[in-house]
């Protein structure tokens, strides 16, 4: 019988792969990190990122990930397979698949690259003007009004809250895992997915929704982030049609640097 990890273990420990051989890794997903019928999507994406990093050329860091969450990942063992599609002079492109019971439950294409010329660096987006995180009270997020994995994150909302029934196109606040010691690409990916969808603010009771497509561009070295501070989260709904919502998310550091951009396709299950 497989022993499940302690759900309160540090995030970096939960998503660290065990290499089985060339291009193959084993993961064991904890119980308690569910979002609906399956594991929290940010935990799944973080696991894919870690596997790709393990197979990337040294000195190359995550620049972009495009992932589809095909089905609910269950607590317990999973197999992750990686394929280096190309390793050029400065960029590695790696495909990653996560399987349970011989079915693909998630897959991604991840681009890792070395640093290039910095003389073109510019941020055209304006940093959000938010109350400092230490002045915003913690918001409990747990069943029955929140997902199970919400117990393992700190939420500090500065905008519309779930199930308020307010017509809002934006949410904002501060987010970080409760148990994490390492600031890395997997940590950022998990933070990007943890906040509730904007649609949650427009309904008056919980409705099942799930992220089915996820892309993220990392724009800041996570190792340079304040280890004591959460990330600023801002999300906007772009459009909703036929029960599918497109949402754009930004993550900012406490000192005003753009950390990552994230786009998600979210399905309203019923």
C-alpha atoms as a PDB file:
ATOM      1  CA  UNK A   1       0.000   0.000   0.000  1.00  0.00           C
ATOM      2  CA  UNK A   2       1.333   3.448  -0.958  1.00  0.00           C
ATOM      3  CA  UNK A   3       1.924   5.825   1.937  1.00  0.00           C
ATOM      4  CA  UNK A   4       0.453   9.238   1.134  1.00  0.00           C
ATOM      5  CA  UNK A   5       2.513  12.345   1.914  1.00  0.00           C
ATOM      6  CA  UNK A   6       1.694  14.550   4.875  1.00  0.00           C
ATOM      7  CA  UNK A   7      -0.519  17.305   3.377  1.00  0.00           C
ATOM      8  CA  UNK A   8       1.144  19.873   5.648  1.00  0.00           C
ATOM      9  CA  UNK A   9       4.608  19.083   4.274  1.00  0.00           C
ATOM     10  CA  UNK A  10       6.390  21.997   2.553  1.00  0.00           C
ATOM     11  CA  UNK A  11       5.132  22.601  -0.972  1.00  0.00           C
ATOM     12  CA  UNK A  12       8.556  21.976  -2.498  1.00  0.00           C
ATOM     13  CA  UNK A  13       8.602  18.543  -0.874  1.00  0.00           C
ATOM     14  CA  UNK A  14       5.144  17.619  -2.153  1.00  0.00           C
ATOM     15  CA  UNK A  15       6.068  18.372  -5.781  1.00  0.00           C
ATOM     16  CA  UNK A  16       9.586  16.943  -5.839  1.00  0.00           C
ATOM     17  CA  UNK A  17       9.745  13.988  -8.276  1.00  0.00           C
ATOM     18  CA  UNK A  18      11.415  10.650  -7.743  1.00  0.00           C
ATOM     19  CA  UNK A  19      13.348   9.675 -10.854  1.00  0.00           C
ATOM     20  CA  UNK A  20      12.563   6.184 -12.091  1.00  0.00           C
ATOM     21  CA  UNK A  21      14.691   6.278 -15.223  1.00  0.00           C
ATOM     22  CA  UNK A  22      15.349   8.345 -18.315  1.00  0.00           C
ATOM     23  CA  UNK A  23      12.305  10.556 -18.870  1.00  0.00           C
ATOM     24  CA  UNK A  24      10.231   8.954 -16.084  1.00  0.00           C
ATOM     25  CA  UNK A  25       9.349  10.174 -12.613  1.00  0.00           C
ATOM     26  CA  UNK A  26       7.082   9.041  -9.801  1.00  0.00           C
ATOM     27  CA  UNK A  27       4.867  11.335  -7.736  1.00  0.00           C
ATOM     28  CA  UNK A  28       2.545  10.573  -4.859  1.00  0.00           C
ATOM     29  CA  UNK A  29      -0.184  13.171  -4.447  1.00  0.00           C
ATOM     30  CA  UNK A  30      -1.390  13.866  -0.902  1.00  0.00           C
ATOM     31  CA  UNK A  31      -4.934  13.538   0.351  1.00  0.00           C
ATOM     32  CA  UNK A  32      -6.447  16.847   1.495  1.00  0.00           C
ATOM     33  CA  UNK A  33      -5.297  18.989  -1.455  1.00  0.00           C
ATOM     34  CA  UNK A  34      -8.442  18.385  -3.498  1.00  0.00           C
ATOM     35  CA  UNK A  35     -10.343  20.941  -5.493  1.00  0.00           C
ATOM     36  CA  UNK A  36     -13.603  19.225  -6.336  1.00  0.00           C
ATOM     37  CA  UNK A  37     -13.060  15.664  -7.604  1.00  0.00           C
ATOM     38  CA  UNK A  38      -9.328  15.975  -8.129  1.00  0.00           C
ATOM     39  CA  UNK A  39      -6.128  17.479  -6.810  1.00  0.00           C
ATOM     40  CA  UNK A  40      -5.633  21.246  -6.828  1.00  0.00           C
ATOM     41  CA  UNK A  41      -4.516  22.169 -10.344  1.00  0.00           C
ATOM     42  CA  UNK A  42      -1.688  24.364  -9.085  1.00  0.00           C
ATOM     43  CA  UNK A  43      -0.159  21.366  -7.320  1.00  0.00           C
ATOM     44  CA  UNK A  44      -0.389  19.331 -10.526  1.00  0.00           C
ATOM     45  CA  UNK A  45       1.190  22.090 -12.626  1.00  0.00           C
ATOM     46  CA  UNK A  46       3.945  22.563 -10.039  1.00  0.00           C
ATOM     47  CA  UNK A  47       4.752  18.843 -10.285  1.00  0.00           C
ATOM     48  CA  UNK A  48       5.000  19.089 -14.079  1.00  0.00           C
ATOM     49  CA  UNK A  49       7.338  22.070 -13.744  1.00  0.00           C
ATOM     50  CA  UNK A  50       9.633  20.222 -11.342  1.00  0.00           C
ATOM     51  CA  UNK A  51       9.875  17.210 -13.643  1.00  0.00           C
ATOM     52  CA  UNK A  52      10.772  19.392 -16.635  1.00  0.00           C
ATOM     53  CA  UNK A  53      13.396  21.256 -14.609  1.00  0.00           C
ATOM     54  CA  UNK A  54      14.994  17.935 -13.655  1.00  0.00           C
ATOM     55  CA  UNK A  55      15.463  17.098 -17.351  1.00  0.00           C
ATOM     56  CA  UNK A  56      16.521  20.568 -18.545  1.00  0.00           C
ATOM     57  CA  UNK A  57      20.052  21.651 -19.392  1.00  0.00           C
ATOM     58  CA  UNK A  58      21.775  23.200 -16.393  1.00  0.00           C
ATOM     59  CA  UNK A  59      21.444  26.975 -16.143  1.00  0.00           C
ATOM     60  CA  UNK A  60      18.057  27.153 -17.897  1.00  0.00           C
ATOM     61  CA  UNK A  61      15.050  28.354 -15.928  1.00  0.00           C
ATOM     62  CA  UNK A  62      11.349  28.255 -16.641  1.00  0.00           C
ATOM     63  CA  UNK A  63      10.175  30.937 -19.056  1.00  0.00           C
ATOM     64  CA  UNK A  64       6.787  29.612 -20.159  1.00  0.00           C
ATOM     65  CA  UNK A  65       4.405  26.730 -19.524  1.00  0.00           C
ATOM     66  CA  UNK A  66       1.280  25.814 -21.460  1.00  0.00           C
ATOM     67  CA  UNK A  67      -0.738  23.047 -19.814  1.00  0.00           C
ATOM     68  CA  UNK A  68      -4.064  21.266 -20.085  1.00  0.00           C
ATOM     69  CA  UNK A  69      -5.619  19.642 -17.034  1.00  0.00           C
ATOM     70  CA  UNK A  70      -7.426  16.777 -18.734  1.00  0.00           C
ATOM     71  CA  UNK A  71      -8.932  14.963 -15.755  1.00  0.00           C
ATOM     72  CA  UNK A  72      -9.044  14.809 -11.952  1.00  0.00           C
ATOM     73  CA  UNK A  73      -5.768  13.667 -10.393  1.00  0.00           C
ATOM     74  CA  UNK A  74      -6.506  11.442  -7.404  1.00  0.00           C
ATOM     75  CA  UNK A  75      -4.540  11.151  -4.154  1.00  0.00           C
ATOM     76  CA  UNK A  76      -1.899   8.493  -4.564  1.00  0.00           C
ATOM     77  CA  UNK A  77       0.783   7.541  -7.083  1.00  0.00           C
ATOM     78  CA  UNK A  78       1.165   9.033 -10.531  1.00  0.00           C
ATOM     79  CA  UNK A  79       3.658   8.521 -13.348  1.00  0.00           C
ATOM     80  CA  UNK A  80       5.201  11.526 -15.084  1.00  0.00           C
ATOM     81  CA  UNK A  81       6.943  11.169 -18.426  1.00  0.00           C
ATOM     82  CA  UNK A  82       9.087  13.852 -19.998  1.00  0.00           C
ATOM     83  CA  UNK A  83      10.277  14.247 -23.583  1.00  0.00           C
ATOM     84  CA  UNK A  84      12.883  16.794 -24.612  1.00  0.00           C
ATOM     85  CA  UNK A  85      11.417  18.102 -27.851  1.00  0.00           C
ATOM     86  CA  UNK A  86      14.501  20.196 -28.538  1.00  0.00           C
ATOM     87  CA  UNK A  87      17.508  21.464 -26.614  1.00  0.00           C
ATOM     88  CA  UNK A  88      19.078  24.352 -28.504  1.00  0.00           C
ATOM     89  CA  UNK A  89      21.962  26.624 -27.617  1.00  0.00           C
ATOM     90  CA  UNK A  90      19.925  28.592 -25.108  1.00  0.00           C
ATOM     91  CA  UNK A  91      16.433  27.101 -24.881  1.00  0.00           C
ATOM     92  CA  UNK A  92      15.041  23.675 -23.974  1.00  0.00           C
ATOM     93  CA  UNK A  93      11.477  22.730 -24.888  1.00  0.00           C
ATOM     94  CA  UNK A  94      10.119  19.787 -22.903  1.00  0.00           C
ATOM     95  CA  UNK A  95       6.794  17.957 -23.093  1.00  0.00           C
ATOM     96  CA  UNK A  96       5.487  16.464 -19.853  1.00  0.00           C
ATOM     97  CA  UNK A  97       2.632  14.007 -19.274  1.00  0.00           C
ATOM     98  CA  UNK A  98       1.094  12.918 -15.990  1.00  0.00           C
ATOM     99  CA  UNK A  99      -0.667   9.550 -15.963  1.00  0.00           C
ATOM    100  CA  UNK A 100      -2.813   7.673 -13.483  1.00  0.00           C
ATOM    101  CA  UNK A 101      -4.229   4.232 -14.320  1.00  0.00           C
ATOM    102  CA  UNK A 102      -2.666   4.557 -17.804  1.00  0.00           C
ATOM    103  CA  UNK A 103      -4.770   7.672 -18.552  1.00  0.00           C
ATOM    104  CA  UNK A 104      -3.304  11.118 -19.219  1.00  0.00           C
ATOM    105  CA  UNK A 105      -4.692  13.450 -16.563  1.00  0.00           C
ATOM    106  CA  UNK A 106      -2.468  16.437 -17.371  1.00  0.00           C
ATOM    107  CA  UNK A 107       0.132  17.432 -19.922  1.00  0.00           C
ATOM    108  CA  UNK A 108       2.236  20.484 -20.650  1.00  0.00           C
ATOM    109  CA  UNK A 109       4.858  21.973 -22.922  1.00  0.00           C
ATOM    110  CA  UNK A 110       7.447  23.820 -20.868  1.00  0.00           C
ATOM    111  CA  UNK A 111      10.091  26.204 -22.188  1.00  0.00           C
ATOM    112  CA  UNK A 112      13.246  26.751 -20.148  1.00  0.00           C
ATOM    113  CA  UNK A 113      15.956  29.157 -21.203  1.00  0.00           C
ATOM    114  CA  UNK A 114      19.135  30.829 -20.073  1.00  0.00           C
ATOM    115  CA  UNK A 115      19.241  34.573 -19.381  1.00  0.00           C
ATOM    116  CA  UNK A 116      19.703  36.784 -22.442  1.00  0.00           C
ATOM    117  CA  UNK A 117      20.458  40.481 -22.970  1.00  0.00           C
ATOM    118  CA  UNK A 118      18.729  42.627 -20.340  1.00  0.00           C
ATOM    119  CA  UNK A 119      18.942  45.975 -22.169  1.00  0.00           C
ATOM    120  CA  UNK A 120      15.407  45.510 -23.547  1.00  0.00           C
ATOM    121  CA  UNK A 121      13.754  44.871 -20.171  1.00  0.00           C
ATOM    122  CA  UNK A 122      10.522  46.825 -19.660  1.00  0.00           C
ATOM    123  CA  UNK A 123       7.217  46.368 -17.835  1.00  0.00           C
ATOM    124  CA  UNK A 124       4.290  48.145 -19.476  1.00  0.00           C
ATOM    125  CA  UNK A 125       1.712  47.049 -16.913  1.00  0.00           C
ATOM    126  CA  UNK A 126       1.148  49.250 -13.881  1.00  0.00           C
ATOM    127  CA  UNK A 127       1.718  47.679 -10.452  1.00  0.00           C
ATOM    128  CA  UNK A 128      -1.521  47.382  -8.478  1.00  0.00           C
ATOM    129  CA  UNK A 129      -2.076  49.851  -5.673  1.00  0.00           C
ATOM    130  CA  UNK A 130      -3.016  47.598  -2.780  1.00  0.00           C
ATOM    131  CA  UNK A 131      -2.968  47.780   0.989  1.00  0.00           C
ATOM    132  CA  UNK A 132       0.311  46.338   2.311  1.00  0.00           C
ATOM    133  CA  UNK A 133      -0.128  42.634   2.917  1.00  0.00           C
ATOM    134  CA  UNK A 134       0.633  42.817   6.617  1.00  0.00           C
ATOM    135  CA  UNK A 135      -2.312  45.216   7.067  1.00  0.00           C
ATOM    136  CA  UNK A 136      -4.832  42.888   5.387  1.00  0.00           C
ATOM    137  CA  UNK A 137      -6.476  40.267   7.624  1.00  0.00           C
ATOM    138  CA  UNK A 138      -6.315  36.604   6.745  1.00  0.00           C
ATOM    139  CA  UNK A 139      -9.436  35.204   5.107  1.00  0.00           C
ATOM    140  CA  UNK A 140     -10.363  31.604   5.969  1.00  0.00           C
ATOM    141  CA  UNK A 141     -10.870  29.475   2.857  1.00  0.00           C
ATOM    142  CA  UNK A 142     -12.013  25.933   3.637  1.00  0.00           C
ATOM    143  CA  UNK A 143     -15.008  23.628   3.107  1.00  0.00           C
ATOM    144  CA  UNK A 144     -17.927  24.007   2.767  1.00  0.00           C
ATOM    145  CA  UNK A 145     -17.411  27.519   1.313  1.00  0.00           C
ATOM    146  CA  UNK A 146     -14.009  26.814  -0.179  1.00  0.00           C
ATOM    147  CA  UNK A 147     -11.885  23.972  -1.568  1.00  0.00           C
ATOM    148  CA  UNK A 148     -10.002  21.545   0.672  1.00  0.00           C
ATOM    149  CA  UNK A 149      -6.590  22.778  -0.518  1.00  0.00           C
ATOM    150  CA  UNK A 150      -7.489  26.302   0.652  1.00  0.00           C
ATOM    151  CA  UNK A 151      -6.481  25.271   4.177  1.00  0.00           C
ATOM    152  CA  UNK A 152      -2.857  25.228   3.024  1.00  0.00           C
ATOM    153  CA  UNK A 153      -2.762  28.787   1.649  1.00  0.00           C
ATOM    154  CA  UNK A 154      -2.967  32.263   3.143  1.00  0.00           C
ATOM    155  CA  UNK A 155      -5.576  34.452   1.438  1.00  0.00           C
ATOM    156  CA  UNK A 156      -5.743  38.200   2.094  1.00  0.00           C
ATOM    157  CA  UNK A 157      -8.477  39.673  -0.076  1.00  0.00           C
ATOM    158  CA  UNK A 158      -8.495  43.339  -1.136  1.00  0.00           C
ATOM    159  CA  UNK A 159     -11.358  43.017  -3.623  1.00  0.00           C
ATOM    160  CA  UNK A 160     -14.548  41.128  -4.319  1.00  0.00           C
ATOM    161  CA  UNK A 161     -15.035  37.955  -2.280  1.00  0.00           C
ATOM    162  CA  UNK A 162     -16.685  34.675  -3.308  1.00  0.00           C
ATOM    163  CA  UNK A 163     -20.454  34.236  -3.304  1.00  0.00           C
ATOM    164  CA  UNK A 164     -21.177  37.914  -2.698  1.00  0.00           C
ATOM    165  CA  UNK A 165     -23.427  38.074  -5.755  1.00  0.00           C
ATOM    166  CA  UNK A 166     -21.737  41.284  -6.884  1.00  0.00           C
ATOM    167  CA  UNK A 167     -21.178  42.010 -10.554  1.00  0.00           C
ATOM    168  CA  UNK A 168     -17.402  42.214 -10.657  1.00  0.00           C
ATOM    169  CA  UNK A 169     -14.846  41.637 -13.388  1.00  0.00           C
ATOM    170  CA  UNK A 170     -11.828  41.607 -11.059  1.00  0.00           C
ATOM    171  CA  UNK A 171     -10.461  40.064  -7.881  1.00  0.00           C
ATOM    172  CA  UNK A 172      -7.343  41.042  -5.973  1.00  0.00           C
ATOM    173  CA  UNK A 173      -5.375  40.278  -2.851  1.00  0.00           C
ATOM    174  CA  UNK A 174      -2.293  38.591  -1.420  1.00  0.00           C
ATOM    175  CA  UNK A 175      -1.536  34.873  -1.704  1.00  0.00           C
ATOM    176  CA  UNK A 176       1.095  32.371  -0.550  1.00  0.00           C
ATOM    177  CA  UNK A 177       1.287  28.760   0.644  1.00  0.00           C
ATOM    178  CA  UNK A 178       1.344  28.327   4.416  1.00  0.00           C
ATOM    179  CA  UNK A 179       4.034  25.658   4.245  1.00  0.00           C
ATOM    180  CA  UNK A 180       6.886  26.472   1.839  1.00  0.00           C
ATOM    181  CA  UNK A 181      10.540  27.342   2.280  1.00  0.00           C
ATOM    182  CA  UNK A 182      11.639  27.608  -1.354  1.00  0.00           C
ATOM    183  CA  UNK A 183      10.686  30.364  -3.791  1.00  0.00           C
ATOM    184  CA  UNK A 184      10.935  28.791  -7.236  1.00  0.00           C
ATOM    185  CA  UNK A 185       8.974  28.422 -10.484  1.00  0.00           C
ATOM    186  CA  UNK A 186       6.780  25.651  -9.056  1.00  0.00           C
ATOM    187  CA  UNK A 187       5.904  27.890  -6.096  1.00  0.00           C
ATOM    188  CA  UNK A 188       4.869  30.713  -8.432  1.00  0.00           C
ATOM    189  CA  UNK A 189       2.753  28.361 -10.567  1.00  0.00           C
ATOM    190  CA  UNK A 190       0.916  27.126  -7.477  1.00  0.00           C
ATOM    191  CA  UNK A 191       0.255  30.694  -6.308  1.00  0.00           C
ATOM    192  CA  UNK A 192      -1.096  31.645  -9.737  1.00  0.00           C
ATOM    193  CA  UNK A 193      -3.775  28.967  -9.559  1.00  0.00           C
ATOM    194  CA  UNK A 194      -4.765  29.237  -5.895  1.00  0.00           C
ATOM    195  CA  UNK A 195      -7.048  32.287  -6.026  1.00  0.00           C
ATOM    196  CA  UNK A 196     -10.758  31.821  -6.692  1.00  0.00           C
ATOM    197  CA  UNK A 197     -12.144  32.520 -10.182  1.00  0.00           C
ATOM    198  CA  UNK A 198     -13.683  35.941 -10.735  1.00  0.00           C
ATOM    199  CA  UNK A 199     -16.951  34.159 -11.519  1.00  0.00           C
ATOM    200  CA  UNK A 200     -17.134  33.059  -7.871  1.00  0.00           C
ATOM    201  CA  UNK A 201     -17.824  36.671  -6.865  1.00  0.00           C
ATOM    202  CA  UNK A 202     -20.871  36.845  -9.123  1.00  0.00           C
ATOM    203  CA  UNK A 203     -22.745  33.855  -7.696  1.00  0.00           C
ATOM    204  CA  UNK A 204     -24.314  33.512  -4.253  1.00  0.00           C
ATOM    205  CA  UNK A 205     -23.403  29.893  -3.506  1.00  0.00           C
ATOM    206  CA  UNK A 206     -20.632  27.465  -4.498  1.00  0.00           C
ATOM    207  CA  UNK A 207     -20.772  26.097  -8.038  1.00  0.00           C
ATOM    208  CA  UNK A 208     -18.365  23.478  -9.413  1.00  0.00           C
ATOM    209  CA  UNK A 209     -15.773  25.036 -11.720  1.00  0.00           C
ATOM    210  CA  UNK A 210     -12.393  23.786 -12.917  1.00  0.00           C
ATOM    211  CA  UNK A 211      -9.373  25.078 -14.795  1.00  0.00           C
ATOM    212  CA  UNK A 212      -8.896  23.090 -17.999  1.00  0.00           C
ATOM    213  CA  UNK A 213      -6.177  25.168 -19.697  1.00  0.00           C
ATOM    214  CA  UNK A 214      -3.351  27.040 -17.992  1.00  0.00           C
ATOM    215  CA  UNK A 215      -0.480  29.117 -19.328  1.00  0.00           C
ATOM    216  CA  UNK A 216       2.116  31.048 -17.374  1.00  0.00           C
ATOM    217  CA  UNK A 217       5.082  33.242 -18.246  1.00  0.00           C
ATOM    218  CA  UNK A 218       7.668  33.740 -15.516  1.00  0.00           C
ATOM    219  CA  UNK A 219       9.156  37.256 -15.602  1.00  0.00           C
ATOM    220  CA  UNK A 220      11.126  37.442 -12.364  1.00  0.00           C
ATOM    221  CA  UNK A 221      13.647  35.195 -10.670  1.00  0.00           C
ATOM    222  CA  UNK A 222      11.689  33.782  -7.695  1.00  0.00           C
ATOM    223  CA  UNK A 223      14.908  33.486  -5.701  1.00  0.00           C
ATOM    224  CA  UNK A 224      15.035  37.300  -5.533  1.00  0.00           C
ATOM    225  CA  UNK A 225      11.611  37.584  -3.849  1.00  0.00           C
ATOM    226  CA  UNK A 226      11.196  38.581  -0.222  1.00  0.00           C
ATOM    227  CA  UNK A 227      10.993  35.212   1.572  1.00  0.00           C
ATOM    228  CA  UNK A 228       8.585  36.667   4.148  1.00  0.00           C
ATOM    229  CA  UNK A 229       6.098  38.294   1.762  1.00  0.00           C
ATOM    230  CA  UNK A 230       3.194  36.848  -0.246  1.00  0.00           C
ATOM    231  CA  UNK A 231       2.489  37.756  -3.847  1.00  0.00           C
ATOM    232  CA  UNK A 232       0.002  40.353  -5.030  1.00  0.00           C
ATOM    233  CA  UNK A 233      -2.715  38.736  -7.139  1.00  0.00           C
ATOM    234  CA  UNK A 234      -4.908  40.562  -9.667  1.00  0.00           C
ATOM    235  CA  UNK A 235      -7.338  38.704 -11.943  1.00  0.00           C
ATOM    236  CA  UNK A 236      -9.734  39.906 -14.622  1.00  0.00           C
ATOM    237  CA  UNK A 237     -12.428  38.110 -16.561  1.00  0.00           C
ATOM    238  CA  UNK A 238     -11.973  38.618 -20.295  1.00  0.00           C
ATOM    239  CA  UNK A 239     -15.066  36.774 -21.551  1.00  0.00           C
ATOM    240  CA  UNK A 240     -17.547  34.019 -20.684  1.00  0.00           C
ATOM    241  CA  UNK A 241     -19.347  31.928 -23.315  1.00  0.00           C
ATOM    242  CA  UNK A 242     -21.195  28.601 -23.174  1.00  0.00           C
ATOM    243  CA  UNK A 243     -19.965  27.964 -19.641  1.00  0.00           C
ATOM    244  CA  UNK A 244     -16.281  28.656 -20.381  1.00  0.00           C
ATOM    245  CA  UNK A 245     -14.535  31.676 -18.897  1.00  0.00           C
ATOM    246  CA  UNK A 246     -11.208  33.207 -19.926  1.00  0.00           C
ATOM    247  CA  UNK A 247      -9.350  34.847 -17.057  1.00  0.00           C
ATOM    248  CA  UNK A 248      -6.119  36.840 -17.022  1.00  0.00           C
ATOM    249  CA  UNK A 249      -4.038  36.908 -13.862  1.00  0.00           C
ATOM    250  CA  UNK A 250      -1.025  38.927 -12.743  1.00  0.00           C
ATOM    251  CA  UNK A 251       1.330  38.169  -9.865  1.00  0.00           C
ATOM    252  CA  UNK A 252       3.410  40.983  -8.400  1.00  0.00           C
ATOM    253  CA  UNK A 253       6.080  41.081  -5.720  1.00  0.00           C
ATOM    254  CA  UNK A 254       5.629  43.132  -2.574  1.00  0.00           C
ATOM    255  CA  UNK A 255       8.156  45.630  -3.940  1.00  0.00           C
ATOM    256  CA  UNK A 256       6.227  46.130  -7.195  1.00  0.00           C
ATOM    257  CA  UNK A 257       7.929  43.787  -9.665  1.00  0.00           C
ATOM    258  CA  UNK A 258       5.890  41.774 -12.150  1.00  0.00           C
ATOM    259  CA  UNK A 259       6.539  38.140 -11.263  1.00  0.00           C
ATOM    260  CA  UNK A 260       4.312  36.244 -13.699  1.00  0.00           C
ATOM    261  CA  UNK A 261       1.428  36.464 -16.152  1.00  0.00           C
ATOM    262  CA  UNK A 262      -1.166  33.709 -16.199  1.00  0.00           C
ATOM    263  CA  UNK A 263      -4.105  32.916 -18.477  1.00  0.00           C
ATOM    264  CA  UNK A 264      -6.699  30.280 -17.615  1.00  0.00           C
ATOM    265  CA  UNK A 265      -9.708  28.729 -19.298  1.00  0.00           C
ATOM    266  CA  UNK A 266     -12.218  27.837 -16.590  1.00  0.00           C
ATOM    267  CA  UNK A 267     -15.241  25.600 -17.182  1.00  0.00           C
ATOM    268  CA  UNK A 268     -18.485  26.023 -15.232  1.00  0.00           C
ATOM    269  CA  UNK A 269     -19.300  22.346 -14.744  1.00  0.00           C
ATOM    270  CA  UNK A 270     -22.943  22.977 -13.807  1.00  0.00           C
END
